[in-house]
N, C-alpha and C. Protein backbone atom coordinates (compact mmCIF):
# COMPACT_ATOMS: atom_id res chain seq x y z
N MET A 1 126.84 75.39 137.87
CA MET A 1 127.03 74.85 136.55
C MET A 1 125.72 74.88 135.76
N ASN A 2 124.63 74.62 136.41
CA ASN A 2 123.34 74.62 135.76
C ASN A 2 123.02 76.00 135.18
N LYS A 3 123.39 77.07 135.88
CA LYS A 3 123.16 78.43 135.41
C LYS A 3 124.00 78.72 134.17
N ARG A 4 125.21 78.20 134.11
CA ARG A 4 126.09 78.39 132.95
C ARG A 4 125.50 77.73 131.70
N ILE A 5 124.94 76.56 131.87
CA ILE A 5 124.34 75.85 130.74
C ILE A 5 123.14 76.64 130.20
N LYS A 6 122.31 77.15 131.08
CA LYS A 6 121.15 77.93 130.67
C LYS A 6 121.58 79.20 129.93
N THR A 7 122.62 79.85 130.44
CA THR A 7 123.14 81.06 129.80
C THR A 7 123.69 80.73 128.41
N PHE A 8 124.45 79.65 128.31
CA PHE A 8 125.01 79.24 127.03
C PHE A 8 123.92 78.93 126.02
N ILE A 9 122.90 78.20 126.44
CA ILE A 9 121.78 77.85 125.54
C ILE A 9 121.05 79.11 125.09
N THR A 10 120.84 80.04 125.98
CA THR A 10 120.16 81.30 125.63
C THR A 10 120.97 82.08 124.61
N ILE A 11 122.27 82.20 124.83
CA ILE A 11 123.14 82.94 123.90
C ILE A 11 123.17 82.23 122.55
N ALA A 12 123.28 80.92 122.54
CA ALA A 12 123.30 80.16 121.29
C ALA A 12 121.99 80.35 120.52
N PHE A 13 120.87 80.34 121.22
CA PHE A 13 119.57 80.51 120.59
C PHE A 13 119.45 81.90 119.96
N VAL A 14 119.85 82.93 120.70
CA VAL A 14 119.77 84.31 120.20
C VAL A 14 120.69 84.48 118.99
N ALA A 15 121.89 83.91 119.04
CA ALA A 15 122.82 84.01 117.90
C ALA A 15 122.26 83.30 116.67
N THR A 16 121.69 82.14 116.85
CA THR A 16 121.10 81.40 115.73
C THR A 16 119.93 82.16 115.14
N LEU A 17 119.10 82.72 115.98
CA LEU A 17 117.96 83.51 115.51
C LEU A 17 118.43 84.72 114.71
N PHE A 18 119.43 85.42 115.22
CA PHE A 18 119.98 86.59 114.53
C PHE A 18 120.54 86.22 113.17
N LEU A 19 121.32 85.15 113.09
CA LEU A 19 121.91 84.73 111.83
C LEU A 19 120.86 84.29 110.81
N SER A 20 119.84 83.60 111.26
CA SER A 20 118.82 83.14 110.32
C SER A 20 118.02 84.31 109.75
N VAL A 21 117.77 85.33 110.55
CA VAL A 21 117.04 86.50 110.07
C VAL A 21 117.89 87.30 109.10
N SER A 22 119.17 87.50 109.42
CA SER A 22 120.02 88.29 108.54
C SER A 22 120.27 87.57 107.21
N CYS A 23 120.41 86.27 107.22
CA CYS A 23 120.61 85.51 105.98
C CYS A 23 119.35 85.51 105.12
N LYS A 24 118.20 85.49 105.73
CA LYS A 24 116.95 85.46 104.99
C LYS A 24 116.78 86.73 104.17
N SER A 25 117.09 87.90 104.73
CA SER A 25 116.91 89.13 104.00
C SER A 25 117.86 89.22 102.81
N LYS A 26 119.08 88.69 102.93
CA LYS A 26 120.01 88.68 101.81
C LYS A 26 119.51 87.76 100.71
N THR A 27 118.94 86.63 101.07
CA THR A 27 118.41 85.70 100.09
C THR A 27 117.26 86.32 99.32
N GLU A 28 116.38 87.03 100.00
CA GLU A 28 115.27 87.69 99.32
C GLU A 28 115.77 88.74 98.35
N GLN A 29 116.80 89.51 98.72
CA GLN A 29 117.35 90.51 97.82
C GLN A 29 117.96 89.86 96.60
N ASN A 30 118.70 88.77 96.79
CA ASN A 30 119.31 88.07 95.67
C ASN A 30 118.24 87.49 94.74
N THR A 31 117.16 86.99 95.29
CA THR A 31 116.09 86.41 94.49
C THR A 31 115.47 87.48 93.60
N GLU A 32 115.24 88.68 94.11
CA GLU A 32 114.67 89.76 93.32
C GLU A 32 115.61 90.16 92.20
N ALA A 33 116.91 90.26 92.48
CA ALA A 33 117.88 90.62 91.46
C ALA A 33 117.97 89.54 90.39
N ASP A 34 117.96 88.26 90.80
CA ASP A 34 118.02 87.16 89.85
C ASP A 34 116.79 87.15 88.96
N THR A 35 115.62 87.40 89.53
CA THR A 35 114.39 87.43 88.75
C THR A 35 114.44 88.54 87.70
N GLU A 36 114.94 89.70 88.08
CA GLU A 36 115.04 90.82 87.14
C GLU A 36 116.00 90.48 86.00
N GLN A 37 117.12 89.84 86.29
CA GLN A 37 118.07 89.46 85.26
C GLN A 37 117.47 88.42 84.31
N ILE A 38 116.73 87.48 84.84
CA ILE A 38 116.10 86.45 84.02
C ILE A 38 115.07 87.09 83.09
N GLU A 39 114.25 88.00 83.60
CA GLU A 39 113.23 88.65 82.78
C GLU A 39 113.89 89.46 81.67
N THR A 40 114.99 90.15 81.97
CA THR A 40 115.70 90.93 80.96
C THR A 40 116.26 90.01 79.89
N ALA A 41 116.86 88.90 80.30
CA ALA A 41 117.44 87.96 79.34
C ALA A 41 116.36 87.33 78.47
N GLU A 42 115.20 87.04 79.05
CA GLU A 42 114.12 86.43 78.29
C GLU A 42 113.59 87.37 77.23
N LYS A 43 113.60 88.67 77.45
CA LYS A 43 113.03 89.63 76.52
C LYS A 43 114.01 90.09 75.45
N GLN A 44 115.11 89.38 75.28
CA GLN A 44 116.08 89.74 74.26
C GLN A 44 115.95 88.87 73.01
N GLY A 45 115.09 87.88 73.04
CA GLY A 45 114.94 86.99 71.90
C GLY A 45 114.15 87.62 70.77
N LYS A 46 114.15 86.94 69.63
CA LYS A 46 113.44 87.40 68.43
C LYS A 46 111.97 87.66 68.71
N GLU A 47 111.36 86.85 69.60
CA GLU A 47 109.94 86.98 69.89
C GLU A 47 109.62 88.26 70.66
N TYR A 48 110.64 88.97 71.13
CA TYR A 48 110.43 90.24 71.83
C TYR A 48 111.03 91.43 71.07
N ALA A 49 112.09 91.20 70.29
CA ALA A 49 112.85 92.29 69.71
C ALA A 49 112.49 92.61 68.25
N SER A 50 111.68 91.80 67.61
CA SER A 50 111.34 92.03 66.20
C SER A 50 110.36 93.19 66.05
N ALA A 51 110.24 93.68 64.81
CA ALA A 51 109.31 94.79 64.54
C ALA A 51 107.86 94.35 64.74
N TYR A 52 107.56 93.09 64.42
CA TYR A 52 106.22 92.53 64.63
C TYR A 52 106.38 91.27 65.48
N VAL A 53 105.60 91.20 66.56
CA VAL A 53 105.73 90.09 67.50
C VAL A 53 104.37 89.43 67.75
N CYS A 54 104.44 88.17 68.14
CA CYS A 54 103.23 87.44 68.53
C CYS A 54 102.78 87.94 69.89
N PRO A 55 101.48 88.16 70.10
CA PRO A 55 101.01 88.60 71.42
C PRO A 55 101.33 87.58 72.52
N MET A 56 101.50 86.30 72.16
CA MET A 56 101.83 85.26 73.13
C MET A 56 103.34 85.08 73.29
N HIS A 57 104.14 85.79 72.49
CA HIS A 57 105.60 85.70 72.50
C HIS A 57 106.07 84.26 72.39
N CYS A 58 105.49 83.52 71.45
CA CYS A 58 105.89 82.13 71.22
C CYS A 58 107.36 82.08 70.83
N GLU A 59 108.04 81.06 71.30
CA GLU A 59 109.46 80.91 71.01
C GLU A 59 109.69 80.80 69.50
N GLY A 60 110.62 81.59 68.99
CA GLY A 60 110.94 81.55 67.57
C GLY A 60 110.03 82.40 66.70
N SER A 61 109.01 83.03 67.28
CA SER A 61 108.12 83.88 66.49
C SER A 61 108.73 85.27 66.40
N GLY A 62 108.11 86.14 65.62
CA GLY A 62 108.60 87.50 65.43
C GLY A 62 109.12 87.67 64.02
N SER A 63 108.88 88.86 63.47
CA SER A 63 109.26 89.10 62.08
C SER A 63 109.44 90.60 61.86
N ASP A 64 110.09 90.94 60.76
CA ASP A 64 110.21 92.35 60.36
C ASP A 64 109.04 92.76 59.48
N ALA A 65 108.16 91.82 59.14
CA ALA A 65 106.99 92.10 58.33
C ALA A 65 105.75 91.55 59.02
N GLU A 66 104.59 92.11 58.68
CA GLU A 66 103.34 91.63 59.26
C GLU A 66 103.11 90.18 58.84
N GLY A 67 102.34 89.46 59.63
CA GLY A 67 102.05 88.07 59.30
C GLY A 67 101.40 87.38 60.48
N THR A 68 101.51 86.06 60.52
CA THR A 68 100.94 85.29 61.62
C THR A 68 102.03 84.45 62.27
N CYS A 69 101.83 84.12 63.51
CA CYS A 69 102.78 83.31 64.27
C CYS A 69 102.73 81.87 63.76
N PRO A 70 103.89 81.28 63.45
CA PRO A 70 103.90 79.90 62.97
C PRO A 70 103.55 78.89 64.06
N LYS A 71 103.65 79.27 65.32
CA LYS A 71 103.37 78.34 66.43
C LYS A 71 101.89 78.31 66.80
N CYS A 72 101.29 79.52 67.00
CA CYS A 72 99.92 79.55 67.50
C CYS A 72 98.90 80.10 66.49
N GLY A 73 99.39 80.69 65.38
CA GLY A 73 98.50 81.18 64.35
C GLY A 73 97.91 82.57 64.60
N MET A 74 98.28 83.21 65.70
CA MET A 74 97.77 84.56 65.97
C MET A 74 98.45 85.58 65.07
N ASP A 75 97.74 86.66 64.76
CA ASP A 75 98.32 87.73 63.95
C ASP A 75 99.39 88.46 64.74
N TYR A 76 100.49 88.79 64.05
CA TYR A 76 101.54 89.58 64.69
C TYR A 76 101.02 90.98 65.00
N MET A 77 101.56 91.57 66.04
CA MET A 77 101.25 92.95 66.41
C MET A 77 102.52 93.77 66.26
N ALA A 78 102.35 95.08 65.94
CA ALA A 78 103.51 95.96 65.86
C ALA A 78 104.15 96.06 67.24
N ASN A 79 105.46 95.93 67.30
CA ASN A 79 106.20 96.02 68.56
C ASN A 79 106.56 97.47 68.81
N GLU A 80 105.89 98.09 69.77
CA GLU A 80 106.11 99.50 70.06
C GLU A 80 107.49 99.75 70.66
N GLU A 81 108.11 98.73 71.22
CA GLU A 81 109.43 98.88 71.82
C GLU A 81 110.55 98.53 70.85
N HIS A 82 110.22 98.26 69.59
CA HIS A 82 111.22 97.87 68.60
C HIS A 82 112.18 99.03 68.33
N GLN A 83 113.47 98.70 68.33
CA GLN A 83 114.50 99.70 68.05
C GLN A 83 115.25 99.29 66.79
N LYS A 84 115.01 100.00 65.71
CA LYS A 84 115.69 99.69 64.46
C LYS A 84 117.18 99.88 64.64
N ASP A 85 117.98 99.00 64.13
CA ASP A 85 119.45 99.02 64.24
C ASP A 85 119.92 98.93 65.69
N GLY A 86 119.05 98.47 66.60
CA GLY A 86 119.48 98.26 67.98
C GLY A 86 119.56 99.48 68.86
N HIS A 87 119.15 100.64 68.37
CA HIS A 87 119.20 101.83 69.22
C HIS A 87 118.12 102.84 68.79
N THR A 88 117.81 103.77 69.67
CA THR A 88 116.83 104.80 69.36
C THR A 88 117.52 106.08 68.94
N HIS A 89 116.81 106.90 68.23
CA HIS A 89 117.38 108.19 67.79
C HIS A 89 116.72 109.31 68.53
């Protein structure tokens, strides 16, 4: 009986170790995908999509004309990634 208990404990330990390792890799993959989605969503605001943007990307900043950021006072910079009418030609 003592040998059966040792075998059972060994199998349980190996199974637990296997499950914890396999779950960890899935969690890391999900975290990377979630981070990418968050970054994409964050860069859709006016402070990223306007023709002129604040270098600090202050919330609510950004304009279609040159000027200064109302939050931090920095001069707007031309947004090289700006797409007029939402698409490129």
